[in-house]
Each structure stands twice: as C-alpha cells, then as structure tokens.
C-alpha cells in the first residue's frame, strides 16, 4: 500500500571518513554468497528504503561496522547530529549443530580445499539443508534488526546501508558468514584440518606405490680444507638473473583483494597501480645506473601526495 513507504524525506549530514561501497552502480557483491545475502534483504519488501540504503552505502554514511558472533553493530550518519546506532542479530548455531556440520564438511575433500583457499563451495548450502539448518537467513524473522533512528520501519534505510556493505565484505571474506552463525574463521579451519584425513609423507607414499623401502641419499661430507669451508667461492656473473619491470603493477596488492570496509575517496587499487608502475620503472633505472632525467614514469609529487592521502584516509 502507498502509505507503507511514506516517511518525510530528510537530507543526511555529510559524513567524514565513512565506509564507502566499492560498487559505484548496479548490483552489490560479486560472489554467489554475497548476492544470496543481499537477496535476503531485498525480499523484506521495504520499498524505497532499499534505494536510500544503497545511496547511504555508496556515499560513505556508515561510519563503523563491527562483526561478531551472532551480531553486527554499526554507526550510521543520518540527518541527526549524532550517528544512529544499528544492530543486526543473527541466530547462532549450537555447539552440537556445529559438530554435525564440521563432520559433514570434513568428509568432503573439495569443500575443505575451497574453504582453505578462502572460497565458499557452491553446494555448501546442501550440507546445512541436510542437517535441517540454514547458512543464510531465510526470512525476516531469522534476523533481529534495530536502529536508534525515528523511522518506524524496520529494517530502515540505515540498516539497509549496513546490510549492503556487509554483502560486499562477504565477497572479500566469506568466513564472516560462519562467524555470524557462531564459529569464527580460525576455529573453523582448525576443526576442518583436524577432521581431514592425514596424508603420508612423500617418501612413505612413494615407497608404498613402488613396494620398495624409500632410500635416503647419503649426506655430503664437510670439506676438510678451511679455505673451502669458510670461503664463499666465486660469484656467478649473472647473479641477478633477468631484471625487468613487472608486467603487472601491484600484483601482490591485487592478490590481497579489496581492503575490509575501505574508507578512501578513491578505489585503493586504482590509485596505487600507477604509483607501483612508476616506482618499478624508477627502480629499474637505478639498477641500470641511469640518472633519471625527464622520464614520464618517475614518481611525481602528485603521486606522493596521493599516496599520503590514501594512508591518511585508511588510518
């Protein structure tokens, strides 16, 4: 009905240092598990508040998010001078239920391998279903949401903003879903490792395959000549190997993925890639003994200022 979405529109105060969504437009979340989480929110039928929640998430109105077992707390800057307090409670699973789930997951080598690699297995929901449980909230009654704002609707746009940012964070760390259900990342991986079948050492496995006893290579004797023992020997002429500029700038940074709850105005990777490329080019010049000069790839004052601003926004 028309009055369900009626609430006087208010303009939120501009927030400083808030958490900004990595999604500038379109859907939130890339992985199937993040999209599954967002789908739960969008099934609540809260109308226009969804759109306002997306705007809050993209504009950095969420100031802080803390994810714990069974509960998420957050602060969201709205139209009031003081940020609103948001709480999202999720039903935790009991110790007995987790024992049942860990046994089932440990029996699936592919599940264990994907979880150890930081990926949520596609069929993991079936394990929960077989145990008559659910990884994701299935209906609004599975969640308890609260906000200190005066909006009578629950969830409100402030809760929706936190929900969207959580979906993006699940992209980076799917183990937060397990934490909300009562079992943290380290504890889950430790229990999965204990439940996985132990593999034999390589030498024992090779011996079992050939039916022969594994042979041990004799140890190399220590040289008796002190000059040889203490000397370093001749250095190879090509001791550095091939020295070249990395083909992909900021490769390690890209492997780390998105930073949790990023607060910068610009995307971190997009801002740092040109700095990495310029630093690599300059490092190669120094290695080759070149004196620099008017090289467009050298790090400029603008690059240094940008890096400083990124460090400040992150802190």
C-alpha atoms as a PDB file:
ATOM      1  CA  UNK A   1       0.000   0.000   0.000  1.00  0.00           C
ATOM      2  CA  UNK A   2       1.099   3.580  -0.673  1.00  0.00           C
ATOM      3  CA  UNK A   3       1.475   4.611   2.982  1.00  0.00           C
ATOM      4  CA  UNK A   4       3.996   1.852   3.730  1.00  0.00           C
ATOM      5  CA  UNK A   5       6.769   3.799   2.023  1.00  0.00           C
ATOM      6  CA  UNK A   6       5.672   7.182   3.348  1.00  0.00           C
ATOM      7  CA  UNK A   7       8.104   8.873   5.684  1.00  0.00           C
ATOM      8  CA  UNK A   8       9.263  12.500   5.478  1.00  0.00           C
ATOM      9  CA  UNK A   9      12.441  12.606   3.435  1.00  0.00           C
ATOM     10  CA  UNK A  10      15.423  14.094   5.210  1.00  0.00           C
ATOM     11  CA  UNK A  11      18.847  15.035   3.955  1.00  0.00           C
ATOM     12  CA  UNK A  12      21.652  13.190   5.779  1.00  0.00           C
ATOM     13  CA  UNK A  13      24.567  15.164   7.132  1.00  0.00           C
ATOM     14  CA  UNK A  14      27.767  14.699   5.160  1.00  0.00           C
ATOM     15  CA  UNK A  15      29.928  12.095   6.878  1.00  0.00           C
ATOM     16  CA  UNK A  16      33.718  12.296   7.109  1.00  0.00           C
ATOM     17  CA  UNK A  17      35.847   9.161   6.888  1.00  0.00           C
ATOM     18  CA  UNK A  18      32.864   6.884   6.333  1.00  0.00           C
ATOM     19  CA  UNK A  19      32.938   3.395   4.803  1.00  0.00           C
ATOM     20  CA  UNK A  20      32.220   3.581   1.086  1.00  0.00           C
ATOM     21  CA  UNK A  21      30.827   0.847  -1.100  1.00  0.00           C
ATOM     22  CA  UNK A  22      33.153  -0.460  -3.808  1.00  0.00           C
ATOM     23  CA  UNK A  23      30.123  -0.738  -6.095  1.00  0.00           C
ATOM     24  CA  UNK A  24      29.535   2.601  -7.800  1.00  0.00           C
ATOM     25  CA  UNK A  25      26.455   1.422  -9.659  1.00  0.00           C
ATOM     26  CA  UNK A  26      24.500  -1.744 -10.309  1.00  0.00           C
ATOM     27  CA  UNK A  27      24.374  -4.762  -8.008  1.00  0.00           C
ATOM     28  CA  UNK A  28      26.230  -5.081  -4.720  1.00  0.00           C
ATOM     29  CA  UNK A  29      28.517  -8.078  -4.327  1.00  0.00           C
ATOM     30  CA  UNK A  30      30.130 -10.286  -6.960  1.00  0.00           C
ATOM     31  CA  UNK A  31      30.191 -13.783  -5.452  1.00  0.00           C
ATOM     32  CA  UNK A  32      27.161 -16.027  -5.238  1.00  0.00           C
ATOM     33  CA  UNK A  33      27.207 -15.971  -1.440  1.00  0.00           C
ATOM     34  CA  UNK A  34      27.266 -12.147  -1.314  1.00  0.00           C
ATOM     35  CA  UNK A  35      24.358 -11.983  -3.762  1.00  0.00           C
ATOM     36  CA  UNK A  36      22.498 -14.558  -1.677  1.00  0.00           C
ATOM     37  CA  UNK A  37      22.878 -12.337   1.397  1.00  0.00           C
ATOM     38  CA  UNK A  38      21.651  -9.248  -0.476  1.00  0.00           C
ATOM     39  CA  UNK A  39      18.692 -11.245  -1.832  1.00  0.00           C
ATOM     40  CA  UNK A  40      17.530 -11.837   1.744  1.00  0.00           C
ATOM     41  CA  UNK A  41      17.438  -8.074   2.379  1.00  0.00           C
ATOM     42  CA  UNK A  42      15.636  -7.363  -0.878  1.00  0.00           C
ATOM     43  CA  UNK A  43      12.999  -9.976  -0.035  1.00  0.00           C
ATOM     44  CA  UNK A  44      11.897  -7.957   3.005  1.00  0.00           C
ATOM     45  CA  UNK A  45       9.780  -5.674   0.801  1.00  0.00           C
ATOM     46  CA  UNK A  46      10.779  -2.386   2.475  1.00  0.00           C
ATOM     47  CA  UNK A  47      10.208  -0.346  -0.677  1.00  0.00           C
ATOM     48  CA  UNK A  48      12.031   2.935  -1.232  1.00  0.00           C
ATOM     49  CA  UNK A  49      14.201   2.437   1.835  1.00  0.00           C
ATOM     50  CA  UNK A  50      16.282  -0.029  -0.181  1.00  0.00           C
ATOM     51  CA  UNK A  51      17.245   2.711  -2.626  1.00  0.00           C
ATOM     52  CA  UNK A  52      18.086   5.102   0.185  1.00  0.00           C
ATOM     53  CA  UNK A  53      20.122   2.399   1.876  1.00  0.00           C
ATOM     54  CA  UNK A  54      22.144   1.906  -1.317  1.00  0.00           C
ATOM     55  CA  UNK A  55      22.789   5.656  -1.508  1.00  0.00           C
ATOM     56  CA  UNK A  56      23.927   5.721   2.124  1.00  0.00           C
ATOM     57  CA  UNK A  57      26.303   2.805   1.468  1.00  0.00           C
ATOM     58  CA  UNK A  58      27.805   4.430  -1.639  1.00  0.00           C
ATOM     59  CA  UNK A  59      28.119   7.892  -0.120  1.00  0.00           C
ATOM     60  CA  UNK A  60      30.045   6.777   2.979  1.00  0.00           C
ATOM     61  CA  UNK A  61      27.300   7.470   5.537  1.00  0.00           C
ATOM     62  CA  UNK A  62      28.178   4.304   7.502  1.00  0.00           C
ATOM     63  CA  UNK A  63      30.895   5.312   9.970  1.00  0.00           C
ATOM     64  CA  UNK A  64      31.740   1.965  11.593  1.00  0.00           C
ATOM     65  CA  UNK A  65      30.844  -1.731  11.369  1.00  0.00           C
ATOM     66  CA  UNK A  66      31.811  -4.399  13.892  1.00  0.00           C
ATOM     67  CA  UNK A  67      31.099  -8.064  13.068  1.00  0.00           C
ATOM     68  CA  UNK A  68      30.949 -10.514  15.987  1.00  0.00           C
ATOM     69  CA  UNK A  69      29.476 -13.931  16.604  1.00  0.00           C
ATOM     70  CA  UNK A  70      25.760 -13.634  16.085  1.00  0.00           C
ATOM     71  CA  UNK A  71      25.689  -9.852  15.922  1.00  0.00           C
ATOM     72  CA  UNK A  72      26.687  -6.849  13.806  1.00  0.00           C
ATOM     73  CA  UNK A  73      26.823  -3.376  15.305  1.00  0.00           C
ATOM     74  CA  UNK A  74      27.291  -0.194  13.302  1.00  0.00           C
ATOM     75  CA  UNK A  75      27.031   3.598  13.368  1.00  0.00           C
ATOM     76  CA  UNK A  76      25.340   5.427  10.518  1.00  0.00           C
ATOM     77  CA  UNK A  77      25.316   9.185   9.992  1.00  0.00           C
ATOM     78  CA  UNK A  78      21.829  10.390   9.151  1.00  0.00           C
ATOM     79  CA  UNK A  79      20.141  13.757   9.446  1.00  0.00           C
ATOM     80  CA  UNK A  80      20.690  13.944  13.210  1.00  0.00           C
ATOM     81  CA  UNK A  81      23.840  15.479  14.698  1.00  0.00           C
ATOM     82  CA  UNK A  82      24.642  12.155  16.370  1.00  0.00           C
ATOM     83  CA  UNK A  83      25.105   8.954  14.308  1.00  0.00           C
ATOM     84  CA  UNK A  84      22.364   6.359  14.612  1.00  0.00           C
ATOM     85  CA  UNK A  85      23.192   3.041  16.268  1.00  0.00           C
ATOM     86  CA  UNK A  86      22.365  -0.056  14.223  1.00  0.00           C
ATOM     87  CA  UNK A  87      22.314  -3.667  15.417  1.00  0.00           C
ATOM     88  CA  UNK A  88      21.680  -6.803  13.345  1.00  0.00           C
ATOM     89  CA  UNK A  89      21.360 -10.070  15.274  1.00  0.00           C
ATOM     90  CA  UNK A  90      21.569 -13.477  13.576  1.00  0.00           C
ATOM     91  CA  UNK A  91      20.620 -16.758  15.239  1.00  0.00           C
ATOM     92  CA  UNK A  92      23.795 -18.614  16.285  1.00  0.00           C
ATOM     93  CA  UNK A  93      24.078 -22.360  15.811  1.00  0.00           C
ATOM     94  CA  UNK A  94      24.624 -24.523  18.878  1.00  0.00           C
ATOM     95  CA  UNK A  95      27.863 -26.405  19.592  1.00  0.00           C
ATOM     96  CA  UNK A  96      26.092 -29.685  18.767  1.00  0.00           C
ATOM     97  CA  UNK A  97      24.897 -28.325  15.433  1.00  0.00           C
ATOM     98  CA  UNK A  98      28.390 -27.118  14.537  1.00  0.00           C
ATOM     99  CA  UNK A  99      29.836 -30.539  15.442  1.00  0.00           C
ATOM    100  CA  UNK A 100      27.390 -32.110  12.985  1.00  0.00           C
ATOM    101  CA  UNK A 101      28.262 -29.600  10.249  1.00  0.00           C
ATOM    102  CA  UNK A 102      32.034 -29.884  10.714  1.00  0.00           C
ATOM    103  CA  UNK A 103      31.837 -33.678  10.425  1.00  0.00           C
ATOM    104  CA  UNK A 104      29.843 -33.369   7.203  1.00  0.00           C
ATOM    105  CA  UNK A 105      32.186 -30.731   5.733  1.00  0.00           C
ATOM    106  CA  UNK A 106      35.327 -32.686   6.684  1.00  0.00           C
ATOM    107  CA  UNK A 107      34.067 -35.649   4.703  1.00  0.00           C
ATOM    108  CA  UNK A 108      34.045 -33.576   1.511  1.00  0.00           C
ATOM    109  CA  UNK A 109      37.627 -33.019   0.315  1.00  0.00           C
ATOM    110  CA  UNK A 110      36.531 -30.413  -2.251  1.00  0.00           C
ATOM    111  CA  UNK A 111      34.682 -28.411   0.400  1.00  0.00           C
ATOM    112  CA  UNK A 112      37.706 -28.396   2.690  1.00  0.00           C
ATOM    113  CA  UNK A 113      40.048 -27.382  -0.150  1.00  0.00           C
ATOM    114  CA  UNK A 114      37.834 -24.481  -1.232  1.00  0.00           C
ATOM    115  CA  UNK A 115      37.307 -23.229   2.316  1.00  0.00           C
ATOM    116  CA  UNK A 116      41.057 -23.359   2.999  1.00  0.00           C
ATOM    117  CA  UNK A 117      41.508 -21.282  -0.170  1.00  0.00           C
ATOM    118  CA  UNK A 118      39.028 -18.697   1.139  1.00  0.00           C
ATOM    119  CA  UNK A 119      36.178 -19.630  -1.221  1.00  0.00           C
ATOM    120  CA  UNK A 120      32.650 -20.656  -0.360  1.00  0.00           C
ATOM    121  CA  UNK A 121      31.779 -24.001  -2.041  1.00  0.00           C
ATOM    122  CA  UNK A 122      28.785 -23.733  -4.359  1.00  0.00           C
ATOM    123  CA  UNK A 123      26.953 -26.693  -2.792  1.00  0.00           C
ATOM    124  CA  UNK A 124      27.652 -25.890   0.848  1.00  0.00           C
ATOM    125  CA  UNK A 125      24.045 -24.894   1.477  1.00  0.00           C
ATOM    126  CA  UNK A 126      23.046 -28.505   0.835  1.00  0.00           C
ATOM    127  CA  UNK A 127      25.178 -29.586   3.822  1.00  0.00           C
ATOM    128  CA  UNK A 128      23.204 -27.188   6.014  1.00  0.00           C
ATOM    129  CA  UNK A 129      19.911 -28.311   4.470  1.00  0.00           C
ATOM    130  CA  UNK A 130      20.720 -31.986   5.130  1.00  0.00           C
ATOM    131  CA  UNK A 131      21.265 -31.048   8.776  1.00  0.00           C
ATOM    132  CA  UNK A 132      17.919 -29.192   8.773  1.00  0.00           C
ATOM    133  CA  UNK A 133      19.804 -25.905   9.195  1.00  0.00           C
ATOM    134  CA  UNK A 134      20.447 -22.824   7.085  1.00  0.00           C
ATOM    135  CA  UNK A 135      23.629 -20.845   6.460  1.00  0.00           C
ATOM    136  CA  UNK A 136      21.723 -17.748   5.325  1.00  0.00           C
ATOM    137  CA  UNK A 137      18.698 -16.185   6.981  1.00  0.00           C
ATOM    138  CA  UNK A 138      15.678 -17.461   5.061  1.00  0.00           C
ATOM    139  CA  UNK A 139      13.089 -14.905   6.190  1.00  0.00           C
ATOM    140  CA  UNK A 140      12.915 -11.611   8.018  1.00  0.00           C
ATOM    141  CA  UNK A 141      12.058 -13.440  11.259  1.00  0.00           C
ATOM    142  CA  UNK A 142      15.543 -15.052  11.211  1.00  0.00           C
ATOM    143  CA  UNK A 143      17.042 -11.597  11.825  1.00  0.00           C
ATOM    144  CA  UNK A 144      16.562  -9.053  14.568  1.00  0.00           C
ATOM    145  CA  UNK A 145      17.370  -5.534  13.409  1.00  0.00           C
ATOM    146  CA  UNK A 146      17.375  -2.359  15.475  1.00  0.00           C
ATOM    147  CA  UNK A 147      18.145   1.285  14.758  1.00  0.00           C
ATOM    148  CA  UNK A 148      18.008   4.325  17.025  1.00  0.00           C
ATOM    149  CA  UNK A 149      16.510   6.495  14.237  1.00  0.00           C
ATOM    150  CA  UNK A 150      12.883   7.681  14.495  1.00  0.00           C
ATOM    151  CA  UNK A 151      11.747   5.723  11.404  1.00  0.00           C
ATOM    152  CA  UNK A 152       9.040   3.245  12.381  1.00  0.00           C
ATOM    153  CA  UNK A 153      10.021   0.880   9.579  1.00  0.00           C
ATOM    154  CA  UNK A 154      12.361  -1.958  10.489  1.00  0.00           C
ATOM    155  CA  UNK A 155      14.647  -2.504   8.677  1.00  0.00           C
ATOM    156  CA  UNK A 156      15.110   1.174   7.874  1.00  0.00           C
ATOM    157  CA  UNK A 157      17.468   2.750   5.332  1.00  0.00           C
ATOM    158  CA  UNK A 158      20.286   2.824   7.909  1.00  0.00           C
ATOM    159  CA  UNK A 159      20.010  -0.936   8.494  1.00  0.00           C
ATOM    160  CA  UNK A 160      19.796  -1.452   4.722  1.00  0.00           C
ATOM    161  CA  UNK A 161      23.041   0.503   4.195  1.00  0.00           C
ATOM    162  CA  UNK A 162      24.871  -1.744   6.684  1.00  0.00           C
ATOM    163  CA  UNK A 163      23.348  -4.808   5.029  1.00  0.00           C
ATOM    164  CA  UNK A 164      24.678  -3.795   1.600  1.00  0.00           C
ATOM    165  CA  UNK A 165      28.188  -3.120   2.930  1.00  0.00           C
ATOM    166  CA  UNK A 166      28.180  -6.496   4.686  1.00  0.00           C
ATOM    167  CA  UNK A 167      27.366  -8.133   1.357  1.00  0.00           C
ATOM    168  CA  UNK A 168      30.464  -6.559  -0.172  1.00  0.00           C
ATOM    169  CA  UNK A 169      32.547  -7.615   2.812  1.00  0.00           C
ATOM    170  CA  UNK A 170      31.357 -11.212   2.428  1.00  0.00           C
ATOM    171  CA  UNK A 171      32.853 -11.052  -1.096  1.00  0.00           C
ATOM    172  CA  UNK A 172      36.267 -10.494   0.492  1.00  0.00           C
ATOM    173  CA  UNK A 173      35.866 -12.793   3.490  1.00  0.00           C
ATOM    174  CA  UNK A 174      33.131 -15.464   3.247  1.00  0.00           C
ATOM    175  CA  UNK A 175      34.093 -16.733   6.710  1.00  0.00           C
ATOM    176  CA  UNK A 176      32.219 -13.787   8.205  1.00  0.00           C
ATOM    177  CA  UNK A 177      29.037 -15.704   7.382  1.00  0.00           C
ATOM    178  CA  UNK A 178      30.209 -18.564   9.605  1.00  0.00           C
ATOM    179  CA  UNK A 179      31.210 -16.084  12.297  1.00  0.00           C
ATOM    180  CA  UNK A 180      27.709 -14.649  12.325  1.00  0.00           C
ATOM    181  CA  UNK A 181      26.442 -18.195  12.837  1.00  0.00           C
ATOM    182  CA  UNK A 182      28.766 -18.621  15.829  1.00  0.00           C
ATOM    183  CA  UNK A 183      32.054 -20.111  14.544  1.00  0.00           C
ATOM    184  CA  UNK A 184      34.993 -17.877  13.573  1.00  0.00           C
ATOM    185  CA  UNK A 185      37.435 -18.424  10.715  1.00  0.00           C
ATOM    186  CA  UNK A 186      40.423 -19.734  12.694  1.00  0.00           C
ATOM    187  CA  UNK A 187      38.329 -22.086  14.799  1.00  0.00           C
ATOM    188  CA  UNK A 188      36.500 -23.485  11.770  1.00  0.00           C
ATOM    189  CA  UNK A 189      39.694 -24.061   9.759  1.00  0.00           C
ATOM    190  CA  UNK A 190      41.376 -25.700  12.756  1.00  0.00           C
ATOM    191  CA  UNK A 191      38.474 -28.076  13.204  1.00  0.00           C
ATOM    192  CA  UNK A 192      38.342 -28.848   9.475  1.00  0.00           C
ATOM    193  CA  UNK A 193      42.085 -29.568   9.459  1.00  0.00           C
ATOM    194  CA  UNK A 194      41.712 -31.977  12.363  1.00  0.00           C
ATOM    195  CA  UNK A 195      38.853 -33.735  10.620  1.00  0.00           C
ATOM    196  CA  UNK A 196      40.629 -34.066   7.246  1.00  0.00           C
ATOM    197  CA  UNK A 197      42.450 -37.360   6.582  1.00  0.00           C
ATOM    198  CA  UNK A 198      46.169 -37.084   7.210  1.00  0.00           C
ATOM    199  CA  UNK A 199      48.373 -37.713   4.167  1.00  0.00           C
ATOM    200  CA  UNK A 200      51.548 -39.762   4.404  1.00  0.00           C
ATOM    201  CA  UNK A 201      54.927 -38.084   3.988  1.00  0.00           C
ATOM    202  CA  UNK A 202      56.179 -38.043   0.358  1.00  0.00           C
ATOM    203  CA  UNK A 203      58.882 -40.648   0.968  1.00  0.00           C
ATOM    204  CA  UNK A 204      56.419 -43.048   2.587  1.00  0.00           C
ATOM    205  CA  UNK A 205      53.879 -42.504  -0.214  1.00  0.00           C
ATOM    206  CA  UNK A 206      56.499 -43.236  -2.881  1.00  0.00           C
ATOM    207  CA  UNK A 207      57.607 -46.375  -1.091  1.00  0.00           C
ATOM    208  CA  UNK A 208      54.007 -47.568  -0.804  1.00  0.00           C
ATOM    209  CA  UNK A 209      53.445 -47.043  -4.522  1.00  0.00           C
ATOM    210  CA  UNK A 210      56.595 -48.939  -5.598  1.00  0.00           C
ATOM    211  CA  UNK A 211      56.503 -51.560  -2.873  1.00  0.00           C
ATOM    212  CA  UNK A 212      60.110 -50.743  -2.001  1.00  0.00           C
ATOM    213  CA  UNK A 213      61.703 -49.136   1.004  1.00  0.00           C
ATOM    214  CA  UNK A 214      62.442 -45.469   0.497  1.00  0.00           C
ATOM    215  CA  UNK A 215      66.145 -44.857   0.058  1.00  0.00           C
ATOM    216  CA  UNK A 216      67.838 -41.964   1.844  1.00  0.00           C
ATOM    217  CA  UNK A 217      70.525 -40.050  -0.030  1.00  0.00           C
ATOM    218  CA  UNK A 218      73.889 -40.081   1.782  1.00  0.00           C
ATOM    219  CA  UNK A 219      74.878 -36.823   3.445  1.00  0.00           C
ATOM    220  CA  UNK A 220      77.546 -34.765   1.720  1.00  0.00           C
ATOM    221  CA  UNK A 221      80.750 -34.687   3.837  1.00  0.00           C
ATOM    222  CA  UNK A 222      82.032 -31.398   5.215  1.00  0.00           C
ATOM    223  CA  UNK A 223      85.126 -30.191   3.294  1.00  0.00           C
ATOM    224  CA  UNK A 224      88.369 -30.536   5.243  1.00  0.00           C
ATOM    225  CA  UNK A 225      90.064 -27.543   3.584  1.00  0.00           C
ATOM    226  CA  UNK A 226      89.385 -24.447   5.800  1.00  0.00           C
ATOM    227  CA  UNK A 227      89.639 -22.120   2.794  1.00  0.00           C
ATOM    228  CA  UNK A 228      86.872 -24.023   1.025  1.00  0.00           C
ATOM    229  CA  UNK A 229      84.795 -24.380   4.207  1.00  0.00           C
ATOM    230  CA  UNK A 230      84.938 -20.674   5.096  1.00  0.00           C
ATOM    231  CA  UNK A 231      85.131 -19.285   1.584  1.00  0.00           C
ATOM    232  CA  UNK A 232      82.165 -18.144  -0.399  1.00  0.00           C
ATOM    233  CA  UNK A 233      83.563 -19.271  -3.718  1.00  0.00           C
ATOM    234  CA  UNK A 234      83.288 -17.370  -6.962  1.00  0.00           C
ATOM    235  CA  UNK A 235      80.183 -15.297  -7.615  1.00  0.00           C
ATOM    236  CA  UNK A 236      78.292 -16.118 -10.822  1.00  0.00           C
ATOM    237  CA  UNK A 237      78.441 -13.389 -13.426  1.00  0.00           C
ATOM    238  CA  UNK A 238      74.683 -13.397 -13.890  1.00  0.00           C
ATOM    239  CA  UNK A 239      73.902 -13.452 -10.172  1.00  0.00           C
ATOM    240  CA  UNK A 240      70.834 -11.208 -10.500  1.00  0.00           C
ATOM    241  CA  UNK A 241      69.209 -13.204 -13.278  1.00  0.00           C
ATOM    242  CA  UNK A 242      66.765 -11.369 -15.515  1.00  0.00           C
ATOM    243  CA  UNK A 243      65.945  -7.919 -14.202  1.00  0.00           C
ATOM    244  CA  UNK A 244      62.899  -6.278 -15.735  1.00  0.00           C
ATOM    245  CA  UNK A 245      59.867  -4.237 -14.826  1.00  0.00           C
ATOM    246  CA  UNK A 246      56.956  -6.393 -13.553  1.00  0.00           C
ATOM    247  CA  UNK A 247      54.403  -6.964 -16.332  1.00  0.00           C
ATOM    248  CA  UNK A 248      51.529  -6.447 -13.863  1.00  0.00           C
ATOM    249  CA  UNK A 249      51.775  -3.481 -11.482  1.00  0.00           C
ATOM    250  CA  UNK A 250      50.818  -4.032  -7.825  1.00  0.00           C
ATOM    251  CA  UNK A 251      50.419  -7.783  -8.376  1.00  0.00           C
ATOM    252  CA  UNK A 252      50.650  -8.656  -4.674  1.00  0.00           C
ATOM    253  CA  UNK A 253      48.188  -5.922  -3.795  1.00  0.00           C
ATOM    254  CA  UNK A 254      45.770  -7.349  -6.346  1.00  0.00           C
ATOM    255  CA  UNK A 255      46.132 -10.816  -4.824  1.00  0.00           C
ATOM    256  CA  UNK A 256      45.211  -9.425  -1.402  1.00  0.00           C
ATOM    257  CA  UNK A 257      41.898  -8.263  -2.838  1.00  0.00           C
ATOM    258  CA  UNK A 258      39.699  -5.483  -1.505  1.00  0.00           C
ATOM    259  CA  UNK A 259      40.543  -3.975   1.860  1.00  0.00           C
ATOM    260  CA  UNK A 260      37.916  -4.501   4.580  1.00  0.00           C
ATOM    261  CA  UNK A 261      35.436  -1.635   4.830  1.00  0.00           C
ATOM    262  CA  UNK A 262      37.511   0.771   2.715  1.00  0.00           C
ATOM    263  CA  UNK A 263      37.114   4.458   3.657  1.00  0.00           C
ATOM    264  CA  UNK A 264      39.059   6.256   0.913  1.00  0.00           C
ATOM    265  CA  UNK A 265      37.507   8.623  -1.597  1.00  0.00           C
ATOM    266  CA  UNK A 266      39.086   6.704  -4.497  1.00  0.00           C
ATOM    267  CA  UNK A 267      39.484   2.967  -5.032  1.00  0.00           C
ATOM    268  CA  UNK A 268      42.741   1.859  -3.382  1.00  0.00           C
ATOM    269  CA  UNK A 269      43.983  -0.358  -6.214  1.00  0.00           C
ATOM    270  CA  UNK A 270      43.174   2.177  -8.935  1.00  0.00           C
ATOM    271  CA  UNK A 271      45.080   4.844  -7.011  1.00  0.00           C
ATOM    272  CA  UNK A 272      48.147   2.754  -6.208  1.00  0.00           C
ATOM    273  CA  UNK A 273      48.656   0.950  -9.539  1.00  0.00           C
ATOM    274  CA  UNK A 274      50.249   3.983 -11.298  1.00  0.00           C
ATOM    275  CA  UNK A 275      52.477   4.583  -8.273  1.00  0.00           C
ATOM    276  CA  UNK A 276      53.671   0.955  -8.326  1.00  0.00           C
ATOM    277  CA  UNK A 277      54.319   1.172 -12.083  1.00  0.00           C
ATOM    278  CA  UNK A 278      56.261   4.430 -11.711  1.00  0.00           C
ATOM    279  CA  UNK A 279      58.286   3.073  -8.778  1.00  0.00           C
ATOM    280  CA  UNK A 280      59.164  -0.089 -10.743  1.00  0.00           C
ATOM    281  CA  UNK A 281      60.356   1.975 -13.703  1.00  0.00           C
ATOM    282  CA  UNK A 282      62.449   4.195 -11.454  1.00  0.00           C
ATOM    283  CA  UNK A 283      63.904   1.186  -9.632  1.00  0.00           C
ATOM    284  CA  UNK A 284      64.984  -0.312 -12.948  1.00  0.00           C
ATOM    285  CA  UNK A 285      66.682   2.981 -13.872  1.00  0.00           C
ATOM    286  CA  UNK A 286      68.608   2.981 -10.589  1.00  0.00           C
ATOM    287  CA  UNK A 287      69.642  -0.642 -11.059  1.00  0.00           C
ATOM    288  CA  UNK A 288      70.913   0.057 -14.575  1.00  0.00           C
ATOM    289  CA  UNK A 289      72.800   3.125 -13.367  1.00  0.00           C
ATOM    290  CA  UNK A 290      70.751   5.620 -15.296  1.00  0.00           C
ATOM    291  CA  UNK A 291      70.485   9.184 -13.994  1.00  0.00           C
ATOM    292  CA  UNK A 292      66.747   9.634 -14.408  1.00  0.00           C
ATOM    293  CA  UNK A 293      66.161  12.802 -16.329  1.00  0.00           C
ATOM    294  CA  UNK A 294      62.857  13.725 -17.902  1.00  0.00           C
ATOM    295  CA  UNK A 295      61.205  10.335 -17.656  1.00  0.00           C
ATOM    296  CA  UNK A 296      57.385  10.323 -17.519  1.00  0.00           C
ATOM    297  CA  UNK A 297      57.381   7.116 -15.458  1.00  0.00           C
ATOM    298  CA  UNK A 298      59.149   8.602 -12.437  1.00  0.00           C
ATOM    299  CA  UNK A 299      57.103   9.175  -9.315  1.00  0.00           C
ATOM    300  CA  UNK A 300      55.732  12.716  -9.314  1.00  0.00           C
ATOM    301  CA  UNK A 301      54.824  14.986  -6.441  1.00  0.00           C
ATOM    302  CA  UNK A 302      51.159  14.331  -7.231  1.00  0.00           C
ATOM    303  CA  UNK A 303      51.733  10.575  -6.845  1.00  0.00           C
ATOM    304  CA  UNK A 304      53.390  11.094  -3.465  1.00  0.00           C
ATOM    305  CA  UNK A 305      50.569  13.358  -2.288  1.00  0.00           C
ATOM    306  CA  UNK A 306      48.004  10.796  -3.425  1.00  0.00           C
ATOM    307  CA  UNK A 307      49.752   8.005  -1.519  1.00  0.00           C
ATOM    308  CA  UNK A 308      49.889  10.216   1.586  1.00  0.00           C
ATOM    309  CA  UNK A 309      46.175  10.990   1.304  1.00  0.00           C
ATOM    310  CA  UNK A 310      45.351   7.304   0.945  1.00  0.00           C
ATOM    311  CA  UNK A 311      47.342   6.461   4.070  1.00  0.00           C
ATOM    312  CA  UNK A 312      45.573   9.222   5.990  1.00  0.00           C
ATOM    313  CA  UNK A 313      42.091   8.097   4.886  1.00  0.00           C
ATOM    314  CA  UNK A 314      42.883   4.478   5.777  1.00  0.00           C
ATOM    315  CA  UNK A 315      44.054   5.384   9.277  1.00  0.00           C
END
